[in-house]
Amino acid sequence: PGGSLRLSCAASGSIFSIYAMGWYRQAPGKQRELVAAITRGGTTNYA
């Protein structure tokens, strides 16, 4: 607790255009929820 981590996500393959990328998380017994996202234009959204 109180520590830090840095997650990375790389997209590759047959992708023509990316509109948004983001992170979701799911804990046991709970639904998957949005953590953070960023659109092609740079708009961000956080839980």
PDB file of all heavy atoms in Angstrom:
ATOM      1  N   PRO A   1       0.826  -1.208   0.000  1.00  0.00           N
ATOM      2  CA  PRO A   1       0.000   0.000   0.000  1.00  0.00           C
ATOM      3  C   PRO A   1       0.860   1.257   0.000  1.00  0.00           C
ATOM      4  O   PRO A   1       1.863   1.333   0.701  1.00  0.00           O
ATOM      5  CB  PRO A   1      -0.798  -0.127   1.297  1.00  0.00           C
ATOM      6  CG  PRO A   1      -0.877  -1.592   1.542  1.00  0.00           C
ATOM      7  CD  PRO A   1       0.452  -2.134   1.077  1.00  0.00           C
ATOM      8  N   GLY A   2       0.456   2.231  -0.810  1.00  0.00           N
ATOM      9  CA  GLY A   2       1.223   3.451  -0.961  1.00  0.00           C
ATOM     10  C   GLY A   2       2.271   3.388  -2.051  1.00  0.00           C
ATOM     11  O   GLY A   2       2.855   4.429  -2.399  1.00  0.00           O
ATOM     12  N   GLY A   3       2.494   2.216  -2.596  1.00  0.00           N
ATOM     13  CA  GLY A   3       3.482   2.043  -3.646  1.00  0.00           C
ATOM     14  C   GLY A   3       2.961   2.413  -5.015  1.00  0.00           C
ATOM     15  O   GLY A   3       1.830   2.887  -5.166  1.00  0.00           O
ATOM     16  N   SER A   4       3.799   2.174  -6.025  1.00  0.00           N
ATOM     17  CA  SER A   4       3.467   2.553  -7.396  1.00  0.00           C
ATOM     18  C   SER A   4       3.743   1.417  -8.370  1.00  0.00           C
ATOM     19  O   SER A   4       4.621   0.585  -8.147  1.00  0.00           O
ATOM     20  CB  SER A   4       4.286   3.774  -7.834  1.00  0.00           C
ATOM     21  OG  SER A   4       3.999   4.904  -7.032  1.00  0.00           O
ATOM     22  N   LEU A   5       2.987   1.405  -9.451  1.00  0.00           N
ATOM     23  CA  LEU A   5       3.195   0.496 -10.562  1.00  0.00           C
ATOM     24  C   LEU A   5       2.908   1.238 -11.854  1.00  0.00           C
ATOM     25  O   LEU A   5       2.108   2.177 -11.868  1.00  0.00           O
ATOM     26  CB  LEU A   5       2.286  -0.732 -10.482  1.00  0.00           C
ATOM     27  CG  LEU A   5       2.633  -1.832  -9.480  1.00  0.00           C
ATOM     28  CD1 LEU A   5       1.519  -2.876  -9.462  1.00  0.00           C
ATOM     29  CD2 LEU A   5       3.958  -2.486  -9.822  1.00  0.00           C
ATOM     30  N   ARG A   6       3.539   0.804 -12.931  1.00  0.00           N
ATOM     31  CA  ARG A   6       3.299   1.379 -14.245  1.00  0.00           C
ATOM     32  C   ARG A   6       2.933   0.260 -15.212  1.00  0.00           C
ATOM     33  O   ARG A   6       3.756  -0.613 -15.494  1.00  0.00           O
ATOM     34  CB  ARG A   6       4.528   2.130 -14.749  1.00  0.00           C
ATOM     35  CG  ARG A   6       4.353   2.841 -16.100  1.00  0.00           C
ATOM     36  CD  ARG A   6       5.585   3.677 -16.416  1.00  0.00           C
ATOM     37  NE  ARG A   6       5.482   4.430 -17.653  1.00  0.00           N
ATOM     38  CZ  ARG A   6       6.046   4.072 -18.807  1.00  0.00           C
ATOM     39  NH1 ARG A   6       6.762   2.953 -18.879  1.00  0.00           N
ATOM     40  NH2 ARG A   6       5.907   4.829 -19.883  1.00  0.00           N
ATOM     41  N   LEU A   7       1.713   0.295 -15.712  1.00  0.00           N
ATOM     42  CA  LEU A   7       1.239  -0.695 -16.662  1.00  0.00           C
ATOM     43  C   LEU A   7       1.446  -0.199 -18.091  1.00  0.00           C
ATOM     44  O   LEU A   7       1.327   0.994 -18.362  1.00  0.00           O
ATOM     45  CB  LEU A   7      -0.245  -0.995 -16.446  1.00  0.00           C
ATOM     46  CG  LEU A   7      -0.679  -1.432 -15.043  1.00  0.00           C
ATOM     47  CD1 LEU A   7      -2.173  -1.756 -15.046  1.00  0.00           C
ATOM     48  CD2 LEU A   7       0.133  -2.615 -14.564  1.00  0.00           C
ATOM     49  N   SER A   8       1.737  -1.130 -18.990  1.00  0.00           N
ATOM     50  CA  SER A   8       1.908  -0.805 -20.397  1.00  0.00           C
ATOM     51  C   SER A   8       1.001  -1.688 -21.238  1.00  0.00           C
ATOM     52  O   SER A   8       0.766  -2.850 -20.904  1.00  0.00           O
ATOM     53  CB  SER A   8       3.362  -1.011 -20.842  1.00  0.00           C
ATOM     54  OG  SER A   8       4.239  -0.169 -20.129  1.00  0.00           O
ATOM     55  N   CYS A   9       0.517  -1.142 -22.341  1.00  0.00           N
ATOM     56  CA  CYS A   9      -0.325  -1.882 -23.268  1.00  0.00           C
ATOM     57  C   CYS A   9       0.082  -1.523 -24.685  1.00  0.00           C
ATOM     58  O   CYS A   9       0.007  -0.352 -25.068  1.00  0.00           O
ATOM     59  CB  CYS A   9      -1.801  -1.557 -23.041  1.00  0.00           C
ATOM     60  SG  CYS A   9      -2.914  -2.254 -24.290  1.00  0.00           S
ATOM     61  N   ALA A  10       0.489  -2.520 -25.452  1.00  0.00           N
ATOM     62  CA  ALA A  10       0.913  -2.315 -26.833  1.00  0.00           C
ATOM     63  C   ALA A  10      -0.077  -2.964 -27.789  1.00  0.00           C
ATOM     64  O   ALA A  10      -0.405  -4.143 -27.638  1.00  0.00           O
ATOM     65  CB  ALA A  10       2.306  -2.874 -27.054  1.00  0.00           C
ATOM     66  N   ALA A  11      -0.533  -2.194 -28.757  1.00  0.00           N
ATOM     67  CA  ALA A  11      -1.449  -2.685 -29.780  1.00  0.00           C
ATOM     68  C   ALA A  11      -0.696  -2.864 -31.093  1.00  0.00           C
ATOM     69  O   ALA A  11       0.068  -1.989 -31.502  1.00  0.00           O
ATOM     70  CB  ALA A  11      -2.613  -1.727 -29.975  1.00  0.00           C
ATOM     71  N   SER A  12      -0.919  -3.987 -31.756  1.00  0.00           N
ATOM     72  CA  SER A  12      -0.251  -4.255 -33.024  1.00  0.00           C
ATOM     73  C   SER A  12      -1.110  -5.180 -33.873  1.00  0.00           C
ATOM     74  O   SER A  12      -2.145  -5.660 -33.433  1.00  0.00           O
ATOM     75  CB  SER A  12       1.132  -4.876 -32.797  1.00  0.00           C
ATOM     76  OG  SER A  12       1.025  -6.121 -32.129  1.00  0.00           O
ATOM     77  N   GLY A  13      -0.666  -5.416 -35.115  1.00  0.00           N
ATOM     78  CA  GLY A  13      -1.385  -6.299 -36.015  1.00  0.00           C
ATOM     79  C   GLY A  13      -2.202  -5.543 -37.038  1.00  0.00           C
ATOM     80  O   GLY A  13      -1.835  -4.450 -37.461  1.00  0.00           O
ATOM     81  N   SER A  14      -3.318  -6.128 -37.424  1.00  0.00           N
ATOM     82  CA  SER A  14      -4.155  -5.589 -38.501  1.00  0.00           C
ATOM     83  C   SER A  14      -5.072  -4.482 -37.997  1.00  0.00           C
ATOM     84  O   SER A  14      -6.299  -4.618 -37.989  1.00  0.00           O
ATOM     85  CB  SER A  14      -4.964  -6.712 -39.142  1.00  0.00           C
ATOM     86  OG  SER A  14      -4.125  -7.732 -39.661  1.00  0.00           O
ATOM     87  N   ILE A  15      -4.471  -3.381 -37.595  1.00  0.00           N
ATOM     88  CA  ILE A  15      -5.213  -2.220 -37.101  1.00  0.00           C
ATOM     89  C   ILE A  15      -5.121  -1.101 -38.122  1.00  0.00           C
ATOM     90  O   ILE A  15      -4.021  -0.687 -38.496  1.00  0.00           O
ATOM     91  CB  ILE A  15      -4.689  -1.757 -35.738  1.00  0.00           C
ATOM     92  CG1 ILE A  15      -4.876  -2.852 -34.690  1.00  0.00           C
ATOM     93  CG2 ILE A  15      -5.404  -0.476 -35.315  1.00  0.00           C
ATOM     94  CD1 ILE A  15      -4.287  -2.516 -33.346  1.00  0.00           C
ATOM     95  N   PHE A  16      -6.268  -0.606 -38.550  1.00  0.00           N
ATOM     96  CA  PHE A  16      -6.300   0.503 -39.495  1.00  0.00           C
ATOM     97  C   PHE A  16      -6.279   1.848 -38.771  1.00  0.00           C
ATOM     98  O   PHE A  16      -5.524   2.740 -39.141  1.00  0.00           O
ATOM     99  CB  PHE A  16      -7.532   0.404 -40.404  1.00  0.00           C
ATOM    100  CG  PHE A  16      -7.617   1.500 -41.427  1.00  0.00           C
ATOM    101  CD1 PHE A  16      -6.833   1.467 -42.559  1.00  0.00           C
ATOM    102  CD2 PHE A  16      -8.482   2.575 -41.250  1.00  0.00           C
ATOM    103  CE1 PHE A  16      -6.898   2.471 -43.516  1.00  0.00           C
ATOM    104  CE2 PHE A  16      -8.562   3.585 -42.190  1.00  0.00           C
ATOM    105  CZ  PHE A  16      -7.766   3.533 -43.332  1.00  0.00           C
ATOM    106  N   SER A  17      -7.107   1.964 -37.745  1.00  0.00           N
ATOM    107  CA  SER A  17      -7.184   3.218 -37.009  1.00  0.00           C
ATOM    108  C   SER A  17      -7.634   2.939 -35.579  1.00  0.00           C
ATOM    109  O   SER A  17      -8.561   2.166 -35.355  1.00  0.00           O
ATOM    110  CB  SER A  17      -8.151   4.186 -37.685  1.00  0.00           C
ATOM    111  OG  SER A  17      -8.207   5.422 -37.012  1.00  0.00           O
ATOM    112  N   ILE A  18      -6.974   3.578 -34.622  1.00  0.00           N
ATOM    113  CA  ILE A  18      -7.334   3.466 -33.216  1.00  0.00           C
ATOM    114  C   ILE A  18      -8.097   4.712 -32.788  1.00  0.00           C
ATOM    115  O   ILE A  18      -7.630   5.828 -32.998  1.00  0.00           O
ATOM    116  CB  ILE A  18      -6.089   3.281 -32.327  1.00  0.00           C
ATOM    117  CG1 ILE A  18      -5.405   1.958 -32.645  1.00  0.00           C
ATOM    118  CG2 ILE A  18      -6.471   3.348 -30.850  1.00  0.00           C
ATOM    119  CD1 ILE A  18      -4.112   1.740 -31.892  1.00  0.00           C
ATOM    120  N   TYR A  19      -9.254   4.510 -32.186  1.00  0.00           N
ATOM    121  CA  TYR A  19     -10.082   5.630 -31.746  1.00  0.00           C
ATOM    122  C   TYR A  19      -9.927   5.919 -30.257  1.00  0.00           C
ATOM    123  O   TYR A  19     -10.067   7.066 -29.839  1.00  0.00           O
ATOM    124  CB  TYR A  19     -11.550   5.365 -32.085  1.00  0.00           C
ATOM    125  CG  TYR A  19     -11.834   5.483 -33.557  1.00  0.00           C
ATOM    126  CD1 TYR A  19     -11.599   4.423 -34.433  1.00  0.00           C
ATOM    127  CD2 TYR A  19     -12.319   6.672 -34.088  1.00  0.00           C
ATOM    128  CE1 TYR A  19     -11.831   4.542 -35.788  1.00  0.00           C
ATOM    129  CE2 TYR A  19     -12.560   6.802 -35.444  1.00  0.00           C
ATOM    130  CZ  TYR A  19     -12.318   5.739 -36.293  1.00  0.00           C
ATOM    131  OH  TYR A  19     -12.554   5.860 -37.645  1.00  0.00           O
ATOM    132  N   ALA A  20      -9.648   4.892 -29.481  1.00  0.00           N
ATOM    133  CA  ALA A  20      -9.465   5.080 -28.056  1.00  0.00           C
ATOM    134  C   ALA A  20      -8.730   3.887 -27.463  1.00  0.00           C
ATOM    135  O   ALA A  20      -8.809   2.774 -27.981  1.00  0.00           O
ATOM    136  CB  ALA A  20     -10.804   5.271 -27.349  1.00  0.00           C
ATOM    137  N   MET A  21      -8.033   4.129 -26.368  1.00  0.00           N
ATOM    138  CA  MET A  21      -7.377   3.074 -25.621  1.00  0.00           C
ATOM    139  C   MET A  21      -7.640   3.325 -24.145  1.00  0.00           C
ATOM    140  O   MET A  21      -7.740   4.474 -23.723  1.00  0.00           O
ATOM    141  CB  MET A  21      -5.871   3.042 -25.888  1.00  0.00           C
ATOM    142  CG  MET A  21      -5.507   2.835 -27.347  1.00  0.00           C
ATOM    143  SD  MET A  21      -3.713   2.760 -27.645  1.00  0.00           S
ATOM    144  CE  MET A  21      -3.339   1.119 -26.997  1.00  0.00           C
ATOM    145  N   GLY A  22      -7.753   2.259 -23.389  1.00  0.00           N
ATOM    146  CA  GLY A  22      -8.030   2.449 -21.981  1.00  0.00           C
ATOM    147  C   GLY A  22      -7.738   1.229 -21.140  1.00  0.00           C
ATOM    148  O   GLY A  22      -7.336   0.179 -21.640  1.00  0.00           O
ATOM    149  N   TRP A  23      -7.946   1.423 -19.849  1.00  0.00           N
ATOM    150  CA  TRP A  23      -7.734   0.367 -18.867  1.00  0.00           C
ATOM    151  C   TRP A  23      -9.006   0.115 -18.086  1.00  0.00           C
ATOM    152  O   TRP A  23      -9.670   1.050 -17.629  1.00  0.00           O
ATOM    153  CB  TRP A  23      -6.614   0.749 -17.892  1.00  0.00           C
ATOM    154  CG  TRP A  23      -5.262   0.776 -18.519  1.00  0.00           C
ATOM    155  CD1 TRP A  23      -4.620   1.849 -19.044  1.00  0.00           C
ATOM    156  CD2 TRP A  23      -4.382  -0.336 -18.686  1.00  0.00           C
ATOM    157  NE1 TRP A  23      -3.388   1.481 -19.536  1.00  0.00           N
ATOM    158  CE2 TRP A  23      -3.215   0.146 -19.326  1.00  0.00           C
ATOM    159  CE3 TRP A  23      -4.458  -1.690 -18.358  1.00  0.00           C
ATOM    160  CZ2 TRP A  23      -2.139  -0.682 -19.641  1.00  0.00           C
ATOM    161  CZ3 TRP A  23      -3.395  -2.510 -18.674  1.00  0.00           C
ATOM    162  CH2 TRP A  23      -2.249  -2.003 -19.312  1.00  0.00           C
ATOM    163  N   TYR A  24      -9.342  -1.154 -17.940  1.00  0.00           N
ATOM    164  CA  TYR A  24     -10.441  -1.609 -17.108  1.00  0.00           C
ATOM    165  C   TYR A  24      -9.883  -2.546 -16.049  1.00  0.00           C
ATOM    166  O   TYR A  24      -8.784  -3.076 -16.201  1.00  0.00           O
ATOM    167  CB  TYR A  24     -11.491  -2.345 -17.939  1.00  0.00           C
ATOM    168  CG  TYR A  24     -12.293  -1.462 -18.869  1.00  0.00           C
ATOM    169  CD1 TYR A  24     -11.720  -0.900 -19.997  1.00  0.00           C
ATOM    170  CD2 TYR A  24     -13.641  -1.207 -18.619  1.00  0.00           C
ATOM    171  CE1 TYR A  24     -12.462  -0.100 -20.857  1.00  0.00           C
ATOM    172  CE2 TYR A  24     -14.394  -0.412 -19.472  1.00  0.00           C
ATOM    173  CZ  TYR A  24     -13.797   0.134 -20.587  1.00  0.00           C
ATOM    174  OH  TYR A  24     -14.540   0.921 -21.436  1.00  0.00           O
ATOM    175  N   ARG A  25     -10.641  -2.750 -14.987  1.00  0.00           N
ATOM    176  CA  ARG A  25     -10.217  -3.706 -13.981  1.00  0.00           C
ATOM    177  C   ARG A  25     -11.412  -4.499 -13.470  1.00  0.00           C
ATOM    178  O   ARG A  25     -12.544  -4.030 -13.514  1.00  0.00           O
ATOM    179  CB  ARG A  25      -9.498  -3.015 -12.812  1.00  0.00           C
ATOM    180  CG  ARG A  25     -10.375  -2.104 -11.961  1.00  0.00           C
ATOM    181  CD  ARG A  25      -9.525  -1.371 -10.934  1.00  0.00           C
ATOM    182  NE  ARG A  25     -10.323  -0.502 -10.085  1.00  0.00           N
ATOM    183  CZ  ARG A  25      -9.809   0.362  -9.217  1.00  0.00           C
ATOM    184  NH1 ARG A  25      -8.489   0.466  -9.068  1.00  0.00           N
ATOM    185  NH2 ARG A  25     -10.616   1.125  -8.482  1.00  0.00           N
ATOM    186  N   GLN A  26     -11.138  -5.696 -12.998  1.00  0.00           N
ATOM    187  CA  GLN A  26     -12.181  -6.557 -12.471  1.00  0.00           C
ATOM    188  C   GLN A  26     -11.669  -7.287 -11.237  1.00  0.00           C
ATOM    189  O   GLN A  26     -10.682  -8.019 -11.302  1.00  0.00           O
ATOM    190  CB  GLN A  26     -12.645  -7.563 -13.524  1.00  0.00           C
ATOM    191  CG  GLN A  26     -13.853  -8.376 -13.102  1.00  0.00           C
ATOM    192  CD  GLN A  26     -14.458  -9.142 -14.260  1.00  0.00           C
ATOM    193  OE1 GLN A  26     -13.796  -9.417 -15.252  1.00  0.00           O
ATOM    194  NE2 GLN A  26     -15.730  -9.484 -14.133  1.00  0.00           N
ATOM    195  N   ALA A  27     -12.342  -7.060 -10.129  1.00  0.00           N
ATOM    196  CA  ALA A  27     -12.036  -7.740  -8.883  1.00  0.00           C
ATOM    197  C   ALA A  27     -12.982  -8.924  -8.722  1.00  0.00           C
ATOM    198  O   ALA A  27     -14.069  -8.940  -9.313  1.00  0.00           O
ATOM    199  CB  ALA A  27     -12.167  -6.784  -7.706  1.00  0.00           C
ATOM    200  N   PRO A  28     -12.612  -9.928  -7.930  1.00  0.00           N
ATOM    201  CA  PRO A  28     -13.482 -11.085  -7.732  1.00  0.00           C
ATOM    202  C   PRO A  28     -14.871 -10.694  -7.251  1.00  0.00           C
ATOM    203  O   PRO A  28     -15.011  -9.900  -6.318  1.00  0.00           O
ATOM    204  CB  PRO A  28     -12.743 -11.901  -6.673  1.00  0.00           C
ATOM    205  CG  PRO A  28     -11.307 -11.535  -6.863  1.00  0.00           C
ATOM    206  CD  PRO A  28     -11.330 -10.077  -7.219  1.00  0.00           C
ATOM    207  N   GLY A  29     -15.906 -11.229  -7.902  1.00  0.00           N
ATOM    208  CA  GLY A  29     -17.272 -10.964  -7.516  1.00  0.00           C
ATOM    209  C   GLY A  29     -17.825  -9.630  -7.967  1.00  0.00           C
ATOM    210  O   GLY A  29     -18.961  -9.293  -7.626  1.00  0.00           O
ATOM    211  N   LYS A  30     -17.053  -8.872  -8.724  1.00  0.00           N
ATOM    212  CA  LYS A  30     -17.494  -7.567  -9.188  1.00  0.00           C
ATOM    213  C   LYS A  30     -17.437  -7.482 -10.704  1.00  0.00           C
ATOM    214  O   LYS A  30     -16.735  -8.252 -11.356  1.00  0.00           O
ATOM    215  CB  LYS A  30     -16.640  -6.454  -8.571  1.00  0.00           C
ATOM    216  CG  LYS A  30     -16.748  -6.338  -7.057  1.00  0.00           C
ATOM    217  CD  LYS A  30     -15.970  -5.148  -6.540  1.00  0.00           C
ATOM    218  CE  LYS A  30     -16.118  -4.997  -5.044  1.00  0.00           C
ATOM    219  NZ  LYS A  30     -15.366  -3.816  -4.537  1.00  0.00           N
ATOM    220  N   GLN A  31     -18.198  -6.530 -11.249  1.00  0.00           N
ATOM    221  CA  GLN A  31     -18.188  -6.306 -12.683  1.00  0.00           C
ATOM    222  C   GLN A  31     -16.934  -5.555 -13.103  1.00  0.00           C
ATOM    223  O   GLN A  31     -16.329  -4.833 -12.320  1.00  0.00           O
ATOM    224  CB  GLN A  31     -19.422  -5.515 -13.114  1.00  0.00           C
ATOM    225  CG  GLN A  31     -20.708  -6.312 -13.150  1.00  0.00           C
ATOM    226  CD  GLN A  31     -21.804  -5.579 -13.879  1.00  0.00           C
ATOM    227  OE1 GLN A  31     -22.176  -4.474 -13.487  1.00  0.00           O
ATOM    228  NE2 GLN A  31     -22.313  -6.172 -14.942  1.00  0.00           N
ATOM    229  N   ARG A  32     -16.564  -5.736 -14.352  1.00  0.00           N
ATOM    230  CA  ARG A  32     -15.451  -4.993 -14.905  1.00  0.00           C
ATOM    231  C   ARG A  32     -15.817  -3.515 -14.978  1.00  0.00           C
ATOM    232  O   ARG A  32     -16.918  -3.154 -15.404  1.00  0.00           O
ATOM    233  CB  ARG A  32     -15.106  -5.533 -16.290  1.00  0.00           C
ATOM    234  CG  ARG A  32     -13.842  -4.961 -16.892  1.00  0.00           C
ATOM    235  CD  ARG A  32     -13.484  -5.671 -18.202  1.00  0.00           C
ATOM    236  NE  ARG A  32     -13.240  -7.094 -17.998  1.00  0.00           N
ATOM    237  CZ  ARG A  32     -12.854  -7.919 -18.956  1.00  0.00           C
ATOM    238  NH1 ARG A  32     -12.664  -7.478 -20.190  1.00  0.00           N
ATOM    239  NH2 ARG A  32     -12.670  -9.206 -18.681  1.00  0.00           N
ATOM    240  N   GLU A  33     -14.897  -2.658 -14.551  1.00  0.00           N
ATOM    241  CA  GLU A  33     -15.158  -1.233 -14.526  1.00  0.00           C
ATOM    242  C   GLU A  33     -14.052  -0.460 -15.236  1.00  0.00           C
ATOM    243  O   GLU A  33     -12.896  -0.881 -15.261  1.00  0.00           O
ATOM    244  CB  GLU A  33     -15.289  -0.723 -13.081  1.00  0.00           C
ATOM    245  CG  GLU A  33     -14.014  -0.852 -12.263  1.00  0.00           C
ATOM    246  CD  GLU A  33     -14.104  -0.189 -10.905  1.00  0.00           C
ATOM    247  OE1 GLU A  33     -15.061   0.570 -10.665  1.00  0.00           O
ATOM    248  OE2 GLU A  33     -13.205  -0.431 -10.068  1.00  0.00           O
ATOM    249  N   LEU A  34     -14.432   0.674 -15.784  1.00  0.00           N
ATOM    250  CA  LEU A  34     -13.467   1.552 -16.428  1.00  0.00           C
ATOM    251  C   LEU A  34     -12.585   2.214 -15.381  1.00  0.00           C
ATOM    252  O   LEU A  34     -13.080   2.756 -14.395  1.00  0.00           O
ATOM    253  CB  LEU A  34     -14.184   2.626 -17.253  1.00  0.00           C
ATOM    254  CG  LEU A  34     -13.283   3.703 -17.876  1.00  0.00           C
ATOM    255  CD1 LEU A  34     -12.417   3.106 -18.977  1.00  0.00           C
ATOM    256  CD2 LEU A  34     -14.123   4.856 -18.420  1.00  0.00           C
ATOM    257  N   VAL A  35     -11.286   2.174 -15.603  1.00  0.00           N
ATOM    258  CA  VAL A  35     -10.326   2.850 -14.738  1.00  0.00           C
ATOM    259  C   VAL A  35      -9.908   4.173 -15.361  1.00  0.00           C
ATOM    260  O   VAL A  35      -9.978   5.227 -14.725  1.00  0.00           O
ATOM    261  CB  VAL A  35      -9.087   1.979 -14.479  1.00  0.00           C
ATOM    262  CG1 VAL A  35      -8.071   2.726 -13.615  1.00  0.00           C
ATOM    263  CG2 VAL A  35      -9.491   0.665 -13.821  1.00  0.00           C
ATOM    264  N   ALA A  36      -9.454   4.130 -16.598  1.00  0.00           N
ATOM    265  CA  ALA A  36      -9.017   5.324 -17.310  1.00  0.00           C
ATOM    266  C   ALA A  36      -9.014   5.048 -18.801  1.00  0.00           C
ATOM    267  O   ALA A  36      -8.790   3.922 -19.232  1.00  0.00           O
ATOM    268  CB  ALA A  36      -7.620   5.763 -16.850  1.00  0.00           C
ATOM    269  N   ALA A  37      -9.261   6.086 -19.590  1.00  0.00           N
ATOM    270  CA  ALA A  37      -9.262   5.950 -21.039  1.00  0.00           C
ATOM    271  C   ALA A  37      -8.780   7.234 -21.680  1.00  0.00           C
ATOM    272  O   ALA A  37      -8.869   8.317 -21.088  1.00  0.00           O
ATOM    273  CB  ALA A  37     -10.657   5.599 -21.550  1.00  0.00           C
ATOM    274  N   ILE A  38      -8.268   7.106 -22.898  1.00  0.00           N
ATOM    275  CA  ILE A  38      -7.830   8.266 -23.663  1.00  0.00           C
ATOM    276  C   ILE A  38      -8.281   8.085 -25.105  1.00  0.00           C
ATOM    277  O   ILE A  38      -8.124   7.017 -25.698  1.00  0.00           O
ATOM    278  CB  ILE A  38      -6.299   8.463 -23.556  1.00  0.00           C
ATOM    279  CG1 ILE A  38      -5.873   9.744 -24.268  1.00  0.00           C
ATOM    280  CG2 ILE A  38      -5.539   7.251 -24.079  1.00  0.00           C
ATOM    281  CD1 ILE A  38      -4.443  10.164 -23.936  1.00  0.00           C
ATOM    282  N   THR A  39      -8.875   9.133 -25.676  1.00  0.00           N
ATOM    283  CA  THR A  39      -9.376   9.077 -27.042  1.00  0.00           C
ATOM    284  C   THR A  39      -8.296   9.481 -28.031  1.00  0.00           C
ATOM    285  O   THR A  39      -7.220   9.948 -27.651  1.00  0.00           O
ATOM    286  CB  THR A  39     -10.588   9.994 -27.230  1.00  0.00           C
ATOM    287  OG1 THR A  39     -10.166  11.364 -27.146  1.00  0.00           O
ATOM    288  CG2 THR A  39     -11.648   9.723 -26.170  1.00  0.00           C
ATOM    289  N   ARG A  40      -8.589   9.321 -29.314  1.00  0.00           N
ATOM    290  CA  ARG A  40      -7.655   9.711 -30.356  1.00  0.00           C
ATOM    291  C   ARG A  40      -7.300  11.188 -30.265  1.00  0.00           C
ATOM    292  O   ARG A  40      -6.161  11.571 -30.558  1.00  0.00           O
ATOM    293  CB  ARG A  40      -8.243   9.386 -31.731  1.00  0.00           C
ATOM    294  CG  ARG A  40      -7.335   9.730 -32.897  1.00  0.00           C
ATOM    295  CD  ARG A  40      -7.822   9.097 -34.185  1.00  0.00           C
ATOM    296  NE  ARG A  40      -9.165   9.513 -34.528  1.00  0.00           N
ATOM    297  CZ  ARG A  40      -9.834   9.088 -35.586  1.00  0.00           C
ATOM    298  NH1 ARG A  40      -9.259   8.210 -36.422  1.00  0.00           N
ATOM    299  NH2 ARG A  40     -11.071   9.508 -35.817  1.00  0.00           N
ATOM    300  N   GLY A  41      -8.245  12.011 -29.845  1.00  0.00           N
ATOM    301  CA  GLY A  41      -8.005  13.431 -29.708  1.00  0.00           C
ATOM    302  C   GLY A  41      -7.308  13.835 -28.427  1.00  0.00           C
ATOM    303  O   GLY A  41      -7.001  15.017 -28.238  1.00  0.00           O
ATOM    304  N   GLY A  42      -7.067  12.885 -27.526  1.00  0.00           N
ATOM    305  CA  GLY A  42      -6.345  13.178 -26.303  1.00  0.00           C
ATOM    306  C   GLY A  42      -7.214  13.412 -25.081  1.00  0.00           C
ATOM    307  O   GLY A  42      -6.688  13.693 -24.002  1.00  0.00           O
ATOM    308  N   THR A  43      -8.518  13.302 -25.223  1.00  0.00           N
ATOM    309  CA  THR A  43      -9.411  13.464 -24.086  1.00  0.00           C
ATOM    310  C   THR A  43      -9.274  12.276 -23.144  1.00  0.00           C
ATOM    311  O   THR A  43      -9.271  11.127 -23.579  1.00  0.00           O
ATOM    312  CB  THR A  43     -10.865  13.581 -24.547  1.00  0.00           C
ATOM    313  OG1 THR A  43     -10.997  14.706 -25.420  1.00  0.00           O
ATOM    314  CG2 THR A  43     -11.796  13.771 -23.353  1.00  0.00           C
ATOM    315  N   THR A  44      -9.159  12.548 -21.857  1.00  0.00           N
ATOM    316  CA  THR A  44      -9.009  11.490 -20.862  1.00  0.00           C
ATOM    317  C   THR A  44     -10.239  11.393 -19.980  1.00  0.00           C
ATOM    318  O   THR A  44     -10.976  12.362 -19.790  1.00  0.00           O
ATOM    319  CB  THR A  44      -7.773  11.713 -19.985  1.00  0.00           C
ATOM    320  OG1 THR A  44      -7.857  12.992 -19.343  1.00  0.00           O
ATOM    321  CG2 THR A  44      -6.504  11.667 -20.820  1.00  0.00           C
ATOM    322  N   ASN A  45     -10.443  10.208 -19.430  1.00  0.00           N
ATOM    323  CA  ASN A  45     -11.556   9.946 -18.540  1.00  0.00           C
ATOM    324  C   ASN A  45     -11.080   9.006 -17.446  1.00  0.00           C
ATOM    325  O   ASN A  45     -10.442   7.995 -17.742  1.00  0.00           O
ATOM    326  CB  ASN A  45     -12.724   9.332 -19.313  1.00  0.00           C
ATOM    327  CG  ASN A  45     -13.975   9.175 -18.469  1.00  0.00           C
ATOM    328  OD1 ASN A  45     -14.202   9.938 -17.544  1.00  0.00           O
ATOM    329  ND2 ASN A  45     -14.797   8.190 -18.801  1.00  0.00           N
ATOM    330  N   TYR A  46     -11.393   9.338 -16.189  1.00  0.00           N
ATOM    331  CA  TYR A  46     -10.963   8.540 -15.051  1.00  0.00           C
ATOM    332  C   TYR A  46     -12.134   8.182 -14.161  1.00  0.00           C
ATOM    333  O   TYR A  46     -13.074   8.959 -13.996  1.00  0.00           O
ATOM    334  CB  TYR A  46      -9.950   9.300 -14.194  1.00  0.00           C
ATOM    335  CG  TYR A  46      -8.639   9.615 -14.869  1.00  0.00           C
ATOM    336  CD1 TYR A  46      -8.453  10.819 -15.536  1.00  0.00           C
ATOM    337  CD2 TYR A  46      -7.582   8.716 -14.826  1.00  0.00           C
ATOM    338  CE1 TYR A  46      -7.254  11.118 -16.145  1.00  0.00           C
ATOM    339  CE2 TYR A  46      -6.373   9.007 -15.431  1.00  0.00           C
ATOM    340  CZ  TYR A  46      -6.212  10.208 -16.091  1.00  0.00           C
ATOM    341  OH  TYR A  46      -5.016  10.499 -16.689  1.00  0.00           O
ATOM    342  N   ALA A  47     -12.053   7.009 -13.558  1.00  0.00           N
ATOM    343  CA  ALA A  47     -12.987   6.663 -12.502  1.00  0.00           C
ATOM    344  C   ALA A  47     -12.735   7.571 -11.305  1.00  0.00           C
ATOM    345  O   ALA A  47     -11.593   7.935 -11.021  1.00  0.00           O
ATOM    346  CB  ALA A  47     -12.819   5.206 -12.097  1.00  0.00           C
TER     347      ALA A  47
END
